[in-house]
Structure formats: C-alpha cells, structure tokens
C-alpha atoms as a PDB file:
ATOM      1  CA  MET A   1      69.175 100.349 128.154  1.00  0.00           C
ATOM      2  CA  ARG A   2      69.061  98.167 125.041  1.00  0.00           C
ATOM      3  CA  ALA A   3      72.695  97.742 123.826  1.00  0.00           C
ATOM      4  CA  LEU A   4      74.825  95.390 120.964  1.00  0.00           C
ATOM      5  CA  LEU A   5      77.606  93.477 123.474  1.00  0.00           C
ATOM      6  CA  LEU A   6      80.763  91.668 122.477  1.00  0.00           C
ATOM      7  CA  ASP A   7      81.713  89.197 124.728  1.00  0.00           C
ATOM      8  CA  THR A   8      83.011  85.810 123.177  1.00  0.00           C
ATOM      9  CA  LYS A   9      80.401  86.282 120.542  1.00  0.00           C
ATOM     10  CA  LEU A  10      77.849  89.292 119.387  1.00  0.00           C
ATOM     11  CA  TYR A  11      74.279  89.556 121.300  1.00  0.00           C
ATOM     12  CA  LEU A  12      71.841  92.256 122.119  1.00  0.00           C
ATOM     13  CA  SER A  13      70.426  93.269 125.405  1.00  0.00           C
ATOM     14  CA  ASP A  14      67.720  95.041 126.505  1.00  0.00           C
ATOM     15  CA  SER A  15      68.777  95.431 129.949  1.00  0.00           C
ATOM     16  CA  TYR A  16      71.992  96.776 130.034  1.00  0.00           C
ATOM     17  CA  PRO A  17      73.085  99.338 132.312  1.00  0.00           C
ATOM     18  CA  THR A  18      72.320 102.925 131.114  1.00  0.00           C
ATOM     19  CA  PRO A  19      76.211 104.931 131.870  1.00  0.00           C
ATOM     20  CA  VAL A  20      76.068 107.716 134.574  1.00  0.00           C
ATOM     21  CA  PRO A  21      78.285 110.307 132.843  1.00  0.00           C
ATOM     22  CA  PRO A  22      81.423 110.700 135.545  1.00  0.00           C
ATOM     23  CA  PRO A  23      82.879 114.871 136.040  1.00  0.00           C
ATOM     24  CA  GLY A  24      83.750 116.278 133.342  1.00  0.00           C
ATOM     25  CA  GLU A  25      81.871 113.826 130.710  1.00  0.00           C
ATOM     26  CA  ALA A  26      78.850 113.635 129.137  1.00  0.00           C
ATOM     27  CA  LEU A  27      75.390 111.339 128.699  1.00  0.00           C
ATOM     28  CA  VAL A  28      74.826 111.407 124.837  1.00  0.00           C
ATOM     29  CA  ARG A  29      71.469 109.562 123.268  1.00  0.00           C
ATOM     30  CA  VAL A  30      72.794 107.906 120.392  1.00  0.00           C
ATOM     31  CA  ARG A  31      71.164 108.574 117.022  1.00  0.00           C
ATOM     32  CA  VAL A  32      73.101 107.033 114.221  1.00  0.00           C
ATOM     33  CA  ALA A  33      76.299 104.579 114.491  1.00  0.00           C
ATOM     34  CA  GLY A  34      78.456 103.107 112.047  1.00  0.00           C
ATOM     35  CA  VAL A  35      79.720  99.775 111.378  1.00  0.00           C
ATOM     36  CA  CYS A  36      83.371 100.138 111.063  1.00  0.00           C
ATOM     37  CA  ASN A  37      86.144  97.263 109.672  1.00  0.00           C
ATOM     38  CA  THR A  38      87.262  97.710 113.205  1.00  0.00           C
ATOM     39  CA  ASP A  39      84.074  96.736 114.700  1.00  0.00           C
ATOM     40  CA  LEU A  40      84.589  93.548 112.968  1.00  0.00           C
ATOM     41  CA  GLU A  41      88.602  92.973 113.804  1.00  0.00           C
ATOM     42  CA  LEU A  42      87.082  93.332 117.364  1.00  0.00           C
ATOM     43  CA  MET A  43      85.113  90.383 117.002  1.00  0.00           C
ATOM     44  CA  ARG A  44      88.122  88.229 115.517  1.00  0.00           C
ATOM     45  CA  GLY A  45      89.934  89.073 118.890  1.00  0.00           C
ATOM     46  CA  TYR A  46      91.944  92.596 117.968  1.00  0.00           C
ATOM     47  CA  MET A  47      92.580  94.623 121.517  1.00  0.00           C
ATOM     48  CA  GLY A  48      90.651  91.925 123.384  1.00  0.00           C
ATOM     49  CA  PHE A  49      88.010  94.086 123.577  1.00  0.00           C
ATOM     50  CA  ARG A  50      85.021  93.103 125.902  1.00  0.00           C
ATOM     51  CA  GLY A  51      81.875  95.650 126.073  1.00  0.00           C
ATOM     52  CA  ILE A  52      79.922  97.235 123.403  1.00  0.00           C
ATOM     53  CA  PRO A  53      81.242  97.990 119.934  1.00  0.00           C
ATOM     54  CA  GLY A  54      81.123 101.130 117.534  1.00  0.00           C
ATOM     55  CA  HIS A  55      83.095 104.397 117.795  1.00  0.00           C
ATOM     56  CA  GLU A  56      81.425 106.270 114.693  1.00  0.00           C
ATOM     57  CA  PHE A  57      77.897 107.956 115.954  1.00  0.00           C
ATOM     58  CA  VAL A  58      75.789 110.967 116.160  1.00  0.00           C
ATOM     59  CA  GLY A  59      73.905 111.740 119.128  1.00  0.00           C
ATOM     60  CA  VAL A  60      72.474 114.392 120.893  1.00  0.00           C
ATOM     61  CA  VAL A  61      73.851 115.342 124.465  1.00  0.00           C
ATOM     62  CA  GLU A  62      71.291 114.532 127.398  1.00  0.00           C
ATOM     63  CA  ARG A  63      73.096 115.433 130.483  1.00  0.00           C
ATOM     64  CA  ALA A  64      76.441 117.211 130.863  1.00  0.00           C
ATOM     65  CA  PRO A  65      76.683 118.147 134.748  1.00  0.00           C
ATOM     66  CA  GLY A  66      78.657 120.999 134.890  1.00  0.00           C
ATOM     67  CA  ALA A  67      78.678 121.856 131.065  1.00  0.00           C
ATOM     68  CA  GLU A  68      74.810 122.091 130.689  1.00  0.00           C
ATOM     69  CA  GLU A  69      75.512 124.557 127.764  1.00  0.00           C
ATOM     70  CA  TRP A  70      75.810 121.248 125.777  1.00  0.00           C
ATOM     71  CA  GLU A  71      72.449 119.826 126.876  1.00  0.00           C
ATOM     72  CA  GLY A  72      70.521 119.374 123.811  1.00  0.00           C
ATOM     73  CA  ARG A  73      73.153 119.421 120.906  1.00  0.00           C
ATOM     74  CA  ARG A  74      73.739 117.467 118.673  1.00  0.00           C
ATOM     75  CA  VAL A  75      77.122 116.202 118.504  1.00  0.00           C
ATOM     76  CA  VAL A  76      79.788 113.607 117.133  1.00  0.00           C
ATOM     77  CA  GLY A  77      82.827 113.082 119.397  1.00  0.00           C
ATOM     78  CA  GLU A  78      86.821 112.353 119.528  1.00  0.00           C
ATOM     79  CA  ILE A  79      87.074 108.249 120.263  1.00  0.00           C
ATOM     80  CA  ASN A  80      90.030 108.652 122.367  1.00  0.00           C
ATOM     81  CA  ALA A  81      89.672 109.759 126.491  1.00  0.00           C
ATOM     82  CA  ALA A  82      92.823 110.779 127.474  1.00  0.00           C
ATOM     83  CA  CYS A  83      94.076 111.462 131.220  1.00  0.00           C
ATOM     84  CA  GLY A  84      95.158 115.357 130.047  1.00  0.00           C
ATOM     85  CA  LEU A  85      97.743 114.867 133.114  1.00  0.00           C
ATOM     86  CA  CYS A  86     100.664 112.351 131.818  1.00  0.00           C
ATOM     87  CA  ALA A  87     103.451 113.883 130.226  1.00  0.00           C
ATOM     88  CA  THR A  88     102.609 112.478 126.781  1.00  0.00           C
ATOM     89  CA  CYS A  89      99.149 114.505 127.227  1.00  0.00           C
ATOM     90  CA  LEU A  90     100.668 117.562 128.566  1.00  0.00           C
ATOM     91  CA  ALA A  91     103.148 117.526 125.761  1.00  0.00           C
ATOM     92  CA  GLY A  92     100.346 117.888 123.434  1.00  0.00           C
ATOM     93  CA  ARG A  93      99.978 114.168 122.165  1.00  0.00           C
ATOM     94  CA  PRO A  94      96.428 113.589 123.973  1.00  0.00           C
ATOM     95  CA  THR A  95      95.428 110.743 121.114  1.00  0.00           C
ATOM     96  CA  HIS A  96      98.537 108.478 122.547  1.00  0.00           C
ATOM     97  CA  CYS A  97      97.764 109.150 125.965  1.00  0.00           C
ATOM     98  CA  PRO A  98      99.039 105.569 128.451  1.00  0.00           C
ATOM     99  CA  ASN A  99      96.000 105.885 130.267  1.00  0.00           C
ATOM    100  CA  ARG A 100      93.685 106.247 127.373  1.00  0.00           C
ATOM    101  CA  THR A 101      90.113 104.430 127.021  1.00  0.00           C
ATOM    102  CA  THR A 102      89.143 104.296 123.425  1.00  0.00           C
ATOM    103  CA  LEU A 103      85.331 104.327 122.955  1.00  0.00           C
ATOM    104  CA  GLY A 104      84.062 100.811 121.622  1.00  0.00           C
ATOM    105  CA  ILE A 105      87.509  99.893 121.431  1.00  0.00           C
ATOM    106  CA  SER A 106      89.354  99.981 124.579  1.00  0.00           C
ATOM    107  CA  GLY A 107      88.097 100.448 127.995  1.00  0.00           C
ATOM    108  CA  ARG A 108      85.151 102.221 127.016  1.00  0.00           C
ATOM    109  CA  ASP A 109      81.648 101.246 126.220  1.00  0.00           C
ATOM    110  CA  GLY A 110      81.094 102.300 122.695  1.00  0.00           C
ATOM    111  CA  ALA A 111      78.033 103.746 120.107  1.00  0.00           C
ATOM    112  CA  LEU A 112      75.865 100.453 119.537  1.00  0.00           C
ATOM    113  CA  ALA A 113      73.520 101.231 122.492  1.00  0.00           C
ATOM    114  CA  GLU A 114      71.237 103.969 123.249  1.00  0.00           C
ATOM    115  CA  TYR A 115      73.719 105.754 125.269  1.00  0.00           C
ATOM    116  CA  LEU A 116      77.260 106.571 125.490  1.00  0.00           C
ATOM    117  CA  VAL A 117      79.728 108.294 127.916  1.00  0.00           C
ATOM    118  CA  LEU A 118      82.393 110.800 126.408  1.00  0.00           C
ATOM    119  CA  PRO A 119      84.430 113.539 127.824  1.00  0.00           C
ATOM    120  CA  VAL A 120      82.834 116.837 127.236  1.00  0.00           C
ATOM    121  CA  ARG A 121      86.409 118.378 125.491  1.00  0.00           C
ATOM    122  CA  ASN A 122      85.678 115.199 122.890  1.00  0.00           C
ATOM    123  CA  LEU A 123      82.462 116.583 121.956  1.00  0.00           C
ATOM    124  CA  HIS A 124      81.740 118.959 118.191  1.00  0.00           C
ATOM    125  CA  PRO A 125      78.961 120.092 117.468  1.00  0.00           C
ATOM    126  CA  VAL A 126      76.976 119.275 114.228  1.00  0.00           C
ATOM    127  CA  PRO A 127      76.260 121.716 112.266  1.00  0.00           C
ATOM    128  CA  GLU A 128      72.614 122.497 111.389  1.00  0.00           C
ATOM    129  CA  GLY A 129      71.672 121.198 108.597  1.00  0.00           C
ATOM    130  CA  MET A 130      73.775 118.385 107.914  1.00  0.00           C
ATOM    131  CA  PRO A 131      71.801 114.938 108.252  1.00  0.00           C
ATOM    132  CA  ASP A 132      72.953 112.506 110.775  1.00  0.00           C
ATOM    133  CA  GLU A 133      73.553 109.937 107.545  1.00  0.00           C
ATOM    134  CA  VAL A 134      76.607 112.513 106.853  1.00  0.00           C
ATOM    135  CA  ALA A 135      78.107 113.352 110.362  1.00  0.00           C
ATOM    136  CA  VAL A 136      78.158 109.717 111.187  1.00  0.00           C
ATOM    137  CA  PHE A 137      81.325 109.649 108.622  1.00  0.00           C
ATOM    138  CA  THR A 138      82.800 112.388 110.791  1.00  0.00           C
ATOM    139  CA  GLU A 139      85.590 110.015 112.646  1.00  0.00           C
ATOM    140  CA  PRO A 140      86.251 107.723 109.759  1.00  0.00           C
ATOM    141  CA  LEU A 141      87.133 111.275 107.519  1.00  0.00           C
ATOM    142  CA  ALA A 142      88.973 112.730 110.020  1.00  0.00           C
ATOM    143  CA  ALA A 143      91.542 109.360 110.056  1.00  0.00           C
ATOM    144  CA  ALA A 144      91.561 110.262 106.437  1.00  0.00           C
ATOM    145  CA  CYS A 145      92.734 114.105 107.241  1.00  0.00           C
ATOM    146  CA  GLU A 146      95.314 112.388 109.632  1.00  0.00           C
ATOM    147  CA  VAL A 147      97.277 112.007 106.669  1.00  0.00           C
ATOM    148  CA  PHE A 148      97.959 115.566 106.276  1.00  0.00           C
ATOM    149  CA  GLN A 149      98.690 116.031 110.019  1.00  0.00           C
ATOM    150  CA  GLN A 150     101.643 113.610 109.278  1.00  0.00           C
ATOM    151  CA  VAL A 151     102.506 114.194 105.370  1.00  0.00           C
ATOM    152  CA  HIS A 152     103.149 117.160 103.113  1.00  0.00           C
ATOM    153  CA  VAL A 153     101.517 116.319 100.293  1.00  0.00           C
ATOM    154  CA  HIS A 154     102.632 117.986  97.159  1.00  0.00           C
ATOM    155  CA  PRO A 155     100.214 118.980  94.028  1.00  0.00           C
ATOM    156  CA  THR A 156     103.296 117.297  92.046  1.00  0.00           C
ATOM    157  CA  ASP A 157     103.810 114.314  93.907  1.00  0.00           C
ATOM    158  CA  ARG A 158     102.636 110.843  92.505  1.00  0.00           C
ATOM    159  CA  VAL A 159      99.960 109.142  94.900  1.00  0.00           C
ATOM    160  CA  ILE A 160      98.431 105.791  95.166  1.00  0.00           C
ATOM    161  CA  VAL A 161      95.803 104.064  97.313  1.00  0.00           C
ATOM    162  CA  LEU A 162      95.693 100.652  97.880  1.00  0.00           C
ATOM    163  CA  GLY A 163      92.244  99.671  99.022  1.00  0.00           C
ATOM    164  CA  ASP A 164      88.823 100.368  97.927  1.00  0.00           C
ATOM    165  CA  GLY A 165      86.575 100.157 101.657  1.00  0.00           C
ATOM    166  CA  LYS A 166      85.285 103.079 103.557  1.00  0.00           C
ATOM    167  CA  LEU A 167      88.868 104.584 104.262  1.00  0.00           C
ATOM    168  CA  GLY A 168      90.599 104.172 101.408  1.00  0.00           C
ATOM    169  CA  LEU A 169      87.412 105.955  99.367  1.00  0.00           C
ATOM    170  CA  LEU A 170      87.674 108.712 101.797  1.00  0.00           C
ATOM    171  CA  CYS A 171      91.444 108.951 101.751  1.00  0.00           C
ATOM    172  CA  ALA A 172      91.333 109.147  97.906  1.00  0.00           C
ATOM    173  CA  GLN A 173      88.767 111.873  98.235  1.00  0.00           C
ATOM    174  CA  VAL A 174      90.862 113.873 100.373  1.00  0.00           C
ATOM    175  CA  LEU A 175      94.092 113.518  98.933  1.00  0.00           C
ATOM    176  CA  ALA A 176      92.207 114.579  95.114  1.00  0.00           C
ATOM    177  CA  LEU A 177      91.680 117.646  96.657  1.00  0.00           C
ATOM    178  CA  THR A 178      95.579 118.377  96.985  1.00  0.00           C
ATOM    179  CA  GLY A 179      95.615 118.295  92.571  1.00  0.00           C
ATOM    180  CA  CYS A 180      98.055 115.536  92.978  1.00  0.00           C
ATOM    181  CA  ASP A 181      98.486 112.904  90.802  1.00  0.00           C
ATOM    182  CA  LEU A 182      96.655 110.069  92.141  1.00  0.00           C
ATOM    183  CA  THR A 183      95.270 106.693  91.371  1.00  0.00           C
ATOM    184  CA  VAL A 184      93.531 104.547  93.663  1.00  0.00           C
ATOM    185  CA  VAL A 185      93.759 101.032  93.103  1.00  0.00           C
ATOM    186  CA  GLY A 186      91.366  98.161  94.542  1.00  0.00           C
ATOM    187  CA  HIS A 187      89.360  94.830  93.812  1.00  0.00           C
ATOM    188  CA  HIS A 188      85.459  95.846  93.704  1.00  0.00           C
ATOM    189  CA  GLN A 189      84.526  98.137  89.695  1.00  0.00           C
ATOM    190  CA  LYS A 190      81.254  99.173  91.347  1.00  0.00           C
ATOM    191  CA  LYS A 191      82.968 100.948  94.715  1.00  0.00           C
ATOM    192  CA  LEU A 192      85.953 102.601  92.371  1.00  0.00           C
ATOM    193  CA  GLU A 193      83.372 103.671  90.229  1.00  0.00           C
ATOM    194  CA  ILE A 194      82.089 106.194  92.827  1.00  0.00           C
ATOM    195  CA  LEU A 195      85.650 107.440  92.460  1.00  0.00           C
ATOM    196  CA  SER A 196      85.363 107.688  88.758  1.00  0.00           C
ATOM    197  CA  ARG A 197      82.200 109.464  89.049  1.00  0.00           C
ATOM    198  CA  LEU A 198      84.294 112.415  90.813  1.00  0.00           C
ATOM    199  CA  GLY A 199      87.177 112.144  87.975  1.00  0.00           C
ATOM    200  CA  ILE A 200      89.379 110.192  90.509  1.00  0.00           C
ATOM    201  CA  ARG A 201      91.436 107.960  87.910  1.00  0.00           C
ATOM    202  CA  VAL A 202      91.212 103.873  89.197  1.00  0.00           C
ATOM    203  CA  ALA A 203      92.465 100.531  88.506  1.00  0.00           C
ATOM    204  CA  LEU A 204      91.633  97.376  89.488  1.00  0.00           C
ATOM    205  CA  GLU A 205      94.334  94.973  91.499  1.00  0.00           C
ATOM    206  CA  GLY A 206      95.983  92.945  88.781  1.00  0.00           C
ATOM    207  CA  GLU A 207      96.153  95.806  86.085  1.00  0.00           C
ATOM    208  CA  GLU A 208      99.412  97.257  85.343  1.00  0.00           C
ATOM    209  CA  VAL A 209      99.774 100.658  87.801  1.00  0.00           C
ATOM    210  CA  ALA A 210     103.223 102.840  87.354  1.00  0.00           C
ATOM    211  CA  GLY A 211     105.460 102.323  90.289  1.00  0.00           C
ATOM    212  CA  GLU A 212     107.742 105.023  91.581  1.00  0.00           C
ATOM    213  CA  ALA A 213     105.099 106.878  93.458  1.00  0.00           C
ATOM    214  CA  ASP A 214     105.838 109.649  95.834  1.00  0.00           C
ATOM    215  CA  LEU A 215     103.471 108.343  98.334  1.00  0.00           C
ATOM    216  CA  VAL A 216     101.379 105.457  98.676  1.00  0.00           C
ATOM    217  CA  VAL A 217      98.935 105.177 101.025  1.00  0.00           C
ATOM    218  CA  GLU A 218      97.851 101.379 102.540  1.00  0.00           C
ATOM    219  CA  ALA A 219      93.939 101.043 103.428  1.00  0.00           C
ATOM    220  CA  THR A 220      93.374  97.285 102.159  1.00  0.00           C
ATOM    221  CA  GLY A 221      92.922  96.046 105.695  1.00  0.00           C
ATOM    222  CA  HIS A 222      94.598  93.265 104.653  1.00  0.00           C
ATOM    223  CA  ALA A 223      98.204  91.920 105.499  1.00  0.00           C
ATOM    224  CA  GLY A 224      99.207  91.730 101.372  1.00  0.00           C
ATOM    225  CA  GLY A 225      98.785  95.582 101.131  1.00  0.00           C
ATOM    226  CA  TYR A 226     102.127  96.354 102.732  1.00  0.00           C
ATOM    227  CA  ALA A 227     104.047  94.231 100.026  1.00  0.00           C
ATOM    228  CA  ALA A 228     102.178  96.109  97.149  1.00  0.00           C
ATOM    229  CA  ALA A 229     103.014  99.365  98.789  1.00  0.00           C
ATOM    230  CA  ARG A 230     106.546  98.686  99.176  1.00  0.00           C
ATOM    231  CA  ARG A 231     106.701  97.149  95.127  1.00  0.00           C
ATOM    232  CA  LEU A 232     105.037 100.838  94.225  1.00  0.00           C
ATOM    233  CA  VAL A 233     106.712 103.235  96.320  1.00  0.00           C
ATOM    234  CA  ARG A 234     109.650 105.018  94.856  1.00  0.00           C
ATOM    235  CA  PRO A 235     113.480 105.156  97.076  1.00  0.00           C
ATOM    236  CA  ARG A 236     112.951 107.620  99.857  1.00  0.00           C
ATOM    237  CA  GLY A 237     108.987 107.941  99.328  1.00  0.00           C
ATOM    238  CA  THR A 238     106.275 107.502 102.182  1.00  0.00           C
ATOM    239  CA  ILE A 239     104.266 104.521 102.999  1.00  0.00           C
ATOM    240  CA  VAL A 240     101.284 105.525 105.128  1.00  0.00           C
ATOM    241  CA  LEU A 241      99.808 102.411 106.999  1.00  0.00           C
ATOM    242  CA  LYS A 242      95.909 103.030 107.482  1.00  0.00           C
ATOM    243  CA  SER A 243      95.060  99.278 108.068  1.00  0.00           C
ATOM    244  CA  THR A 244      94.727  97.723 111.479  1.00  0.00           C
ATOM    245  CA  TYR A 245      93.877  93.785 111.796  1.00  0.00           C
ATOM    246  CA  HIS A 246      93.951  90.995 114.559  1.00  0.00           C
ATOM    247  CA  GLY A 247      97.443  88.877 114.007  1.00  0.00           C
ATOM    248  CA  SER A 248     100.991  89.652 112.895  1.00  0.00           C
ATOM    249  CA  PHE A 249     102.563  89.287 109.845  1.00  0.00           C
ATOM    250  CA  ASP A 250     105.759  88.750 107.688  1.00  0.00           C
ATOM    251  CA  ALA A 251     107.332  91.845 106.055  1.00  0.00           C
ATOM    252  CA  ASP A 252     110.526  92.412 104.501  1.00  0.00           C
ATOM    253  CA  LEU A 253     111.829  95.261 105.621  1.00  0.00           C
ATOM    254  CA  THR A 254     115.166  94.787 104.301  1.00  0.00           C
ATOM    255  CA  MET A 255     114.114  97.087 101.382  1.00  0.00           C
ATOM    256  CA  ALA A 256     112.684  99.302 102.829  1.00  0.00           C
ATOM    257  CA  VAL A 257     116.177  99.723 104.645  1.00  0.00           C
ATOM    258  CA  VAL A 258     118.213 100.319 101.286  1.00  0.00           C
ATOM    259  CA  ASN A 259     115.973 102.568  99.599  1.00  0.00           C
ATOM    260  CA  GLU A 260     115.518 104.469 102.660  1.00  0.00           C
ATOM    261  CA  VAL A 261     111.576 104.670 102.727  1.00  0.00           C
ATOM    262  CA  THR A 262     109.429 106.615 105.465  1.00  0.00           C
ATOM    263  CA  LEU A 263     107.039 104.002 106.972  1.00  0.00           C
ATOM    264  CA  VAL A 264     104.411 106.301 108.784  1.00  0.00           C
ATOM    265  CA  GLY A 265     101.365 104.644 111.000  1.00  0.00           C
ATOM    266  CA  SER A 266      98.096 106.948 110.589  1.00  0.00           C
ATOM    267  CA  ARG A 267      95.038 105.899 112.686  1.00  0.00           C
ATOM    268  CA  CYS A 268      92.916 108.911 114.676  1.00  0.00           C
ATOM    269  CA  GLY A 269      92.419 112.054 112.780  1.00  0.00           C
ATOM    270  CA  PRO A 270      91.233 115.917 113.564  1.00  0.00           C
ATOM    271  CA  PHE A 271      87.376 116.467 113.427  1.00  0.00           C
ATOM    272  CA  ALA A 272      86.904 120.102 113.122  1.00  0.00           C
ATOM    273  CA  PRO A 273      88.522 119.795 109.490  1.00  0.00           C
ATOM    274  CA  ALA A 274      86.661 116.658 108.845  1.00  0.00           C
ATOM    275  CA  LEU A 275      83.096 118.351 109.540  1.00  0.00           C
ATOM    276  CA  ARG A 276      84.581 121.542 107.551  1.00  0.00           C
ATOM    277  CA  LEU A 277      84.893 119.175 104.475  1.00  0.00           C
ATOM    278  CA  LEU A 278      81.115 117.701 105.004  1.00  0.00           C
ATOM    279  CA  ALA A 279      79.342 120.555 105.646  1.00  0.00           C
ATOM    280  CA  ARG A 280      81.139 121.894 102.297  1.00  0.00           C
ATOM    281  CA  GLY A 281      80.056 119.170 100.189  1.00  0.00           C
ATOM    282  CA  LEU A 282      84.023 118.759  99.603  1.00  0.00           C
ATOM    283  CA  VAL A 283      83.823 114.826 100.400  1.00  0.00           C
ATOM    284  CA  GLN A 284      80.791 112.915  99.333  1.00  0.00           C
ATOM    285  CA  VAL A 285      79.591 110.021 101.605  1.00  0.00           C
ATOM    286  CA  ARG A 286      76.192 109.123 100.499  1.00  0.00           C
ATOM    287  CA  PRO A 287      77.231 106.995  97.944  1.00  0.00           C
ATOM    288  CA  LEU A 288      79.040 104.967 100.408  1.00  0.00           C
ATOM    289  CA  ILE A 289      76.280 104.180 102.331  1.00  0.00           C
ATOM    290  CA  GLU A 290      74.808 100.349 101.880  1.00  0.00           C
ATOM    291  CA  ALA A 291      72.737  99.854 104.153  1.00  0.00           C
ATOM    292  CA  ARG A 292      70.525 101.125 107.137  1.00  0.00           C
ATOM    293  CA  TYR A 293      69.212  98.492 109.949  1.00  0.00           C
ATOM    294  CA  PRO A 294      67.649  99.209 113.493  1.00  0.00           C
ATOM    295  CA  LEU A 295      69.261  98.336 116.843  1.00  0.00           C
ATOM    296  CA  ALA A 296      66.683  95.270 117.370  1.00  0.00           C
ATOM    297  CA  GLU A 297      68.850  93.971 113.702  1.00  0.00           C
ATOM    298  CA  ALA A 298      72.596  94.745 114.819  1.00  0.00           C
ATOM    299  CA  LEU A 299      73.377  91.513 114.580  1.00  0.00           C
ATOM    300  CA  THR A 300      72.428  91.157 110.855  1.00  0.00           C
ATOM    301  CA  ALA A 301      73.565  94.195 110.565  1.00  0.00           C
ATOM    302  CA  PHE A 302      76.988  93.006 111.556  1.00  0.00           C
ATOM    303  CA  GLU A 303      76.630  90.181 109.150  1.00  0.00           C
ATOM    304  CA  HIS A 304      76.450  92.537 105.938  1.00  0.00           C
ATOM    305  CA  ALA A 305      79.053  94.704 106.804  1.00  0.00           C
ATOM    306  CA  ALA A 306      81.103  91.758 106.997  1.00  0.00           C
ATOM    307  CA  ARG A 307      80.256  90.488 103.346  1.00  0.00           C
ATOM    308  CA  PRO A 308      83.138  90.432 101.142  1.00  0.00           C
ATOM    309  CA  GLY A 309      82.841  94.311  99.353  1.00  0.00           C
ATOM    310  CA  ALA A 310      80.467  95.739 101.410  1.00  0.00           C
ATOM    311  CA  LEU A 311      80.572  99.637 102.202  1.00  0.00           C
ATOM    312  CA  LYS A 312      79.211 101.597 105.253  1.00  0.00           C
ATOM    313  CA  VAL A 313      76.315  99.957 107.029  1.00  0.00           C
ATOM    314  CA  LEU A 314      74.445 102.314 109.410  1.00  0.00           C
ATOM    315  CA  VAL A 315      72.667 101.308 112.674  1.00  0.00           C
ATOM    316  CA  GLU A 316      69.798 103.385 113.318  1.00  0.00           C
ATOM    317  CA  ILE A 317      69.521 103.635 117.433  1.00  0.00           C
END
C-alpha cells in the first residue's frame, strides 16, 4: 500500500506492507486523515515514534474477522488500543493501559496510509449524511470534550482558553455551550474571528485580560502557556493542560502550591458525545479547514501544517 513513513525523516512509500488484522481487529480503508500538532511534534522526536503517523481519520471497514457486521461501515476510531486484561483496564481506565499502543503515536502504525488496523471495540460508526471533512474532527473534538470528564464547568465560572490553534478553537466552542463567562486568548486575529462570529469573546495576546479565572485551559502548544495560565487563574482555581510537545520546560510550581491551584493533564476523550455535537451542528469545524492534499503530496501537507498559524490540513487518501 501507499503510506507516509516517519523514520529519521518523513518520506512516501508505494510498497509498504498492507496490515493484516489480528483477532478482534479490523482492517480500515482510510478515506481522509488530518494532520495534528502532535504529528508535527513526532517529527521533532516526541515519543521516539517510527512508522506511519496520523491518528485523525475517517475510513471504511474492509475486513473484520469475527465481526463481519462492521464490514462496509464508515467509521472513526479511538486511538488507544488497550490490552483489556491488566489492572488498569479492569479498573475502567483503558486509555491509560500500560500495555497500550496508540494509533500513529506509539507502537502502532497510523492513518496516513491507504489502510490501518484498530480493535473493533475502538470503532464508532459515522452518522449517515455526515461529510468526511466533518467526521475527521471527531478525535480532536473528543479531546476537547475530555475537559468535561475531568472538570465540572459551571455557567457562572470565568473561563479562559489560551491558544487559537485547532484544539483551542474546539475547546472554546465546547466550553461556550455551558454558558460560562468565556474569553479566548490567541496570536492570530484571523483565527480568533472564527470564534467572534460565533459570539465568543476573544483577545489578542498582549491585550489586557483580567485574571482570577476559575478555569484556564492551556492549549498554546508552547512552554510559555503554563506561565500565562498561572498568571490568570485564581487561588484554588484549575488549570487544564492540553498542550503536548517534545522536550521539557522550567515551571515555577511554588505559587501553584501556595495558591492551591489544581493542575489537570488532559488528552484523549469520548467519541460518542463528539459525534453527537458534530451531527447536531453544535460545533462548527469547516471554518477550521485550511487546505487539502492527496496522499501523494503528504510531504507538502506537513510543510503547510507546520506554517505558523496554520489551521487544519487534511490528507485525502
């Protein structure tokens, strides 16, 4: 099959072995894949990944031995493939399974290829009539929904989202549904205008934003985001950390202790509510699509996605 491979660098292959689904897994023919900031971080050494990147996808099940009812169905898929047997899985925390592989990120080839394999239990059918270009946002929107799995957001809360990248824009739209007092701070006027048109208050970085927020969601994708979040959160407030990047950074945790700030790491989230939000049109994702490329031009797609301020780049397989 054709595939985009990451070794010491990215390159295209026309003769990569088509995967064979083991028991309990399905072979999925990929239709569309998204390029995520995590994919860009993999190129910089994040997770030490080698293989096919990509974890945002829409595809059609070609083969599902033992679960033939899935064959022919259009699907999206949760990216963490858990063992289902360890103490963590049995305790109901499969996304933290110590034996898990993660699609296109750790131990499992990803979606930037003609085919991928995932456990059948990871698959979710795409509602009829939902375009691929909308359904491909299920995984990042689920990550935005994860905030509500971890933090109770009240309509009376003051909430600040830091970052106007793809994830920041999705987090903002989901948080706005609570009726909270929301402000989004970002670098790019054009991207912030997407939220302004939806009635969400925005501010350019450098403009004065009042602190003492009950909740700050840090989705900047850079190390300075934590320091900004600390300045803006109130004592006994909460910071949700959504950014991942290669490397480490210095963080002053003393005032987090003194002010009894709650720090919440947040990553993958629930697919079912994300699909419902997309199906009902409660989150707008089409304005986030900046460019589309065929798989043959996947290298160019990555170059485009790496441009400062770029929004979602899709690869059509």
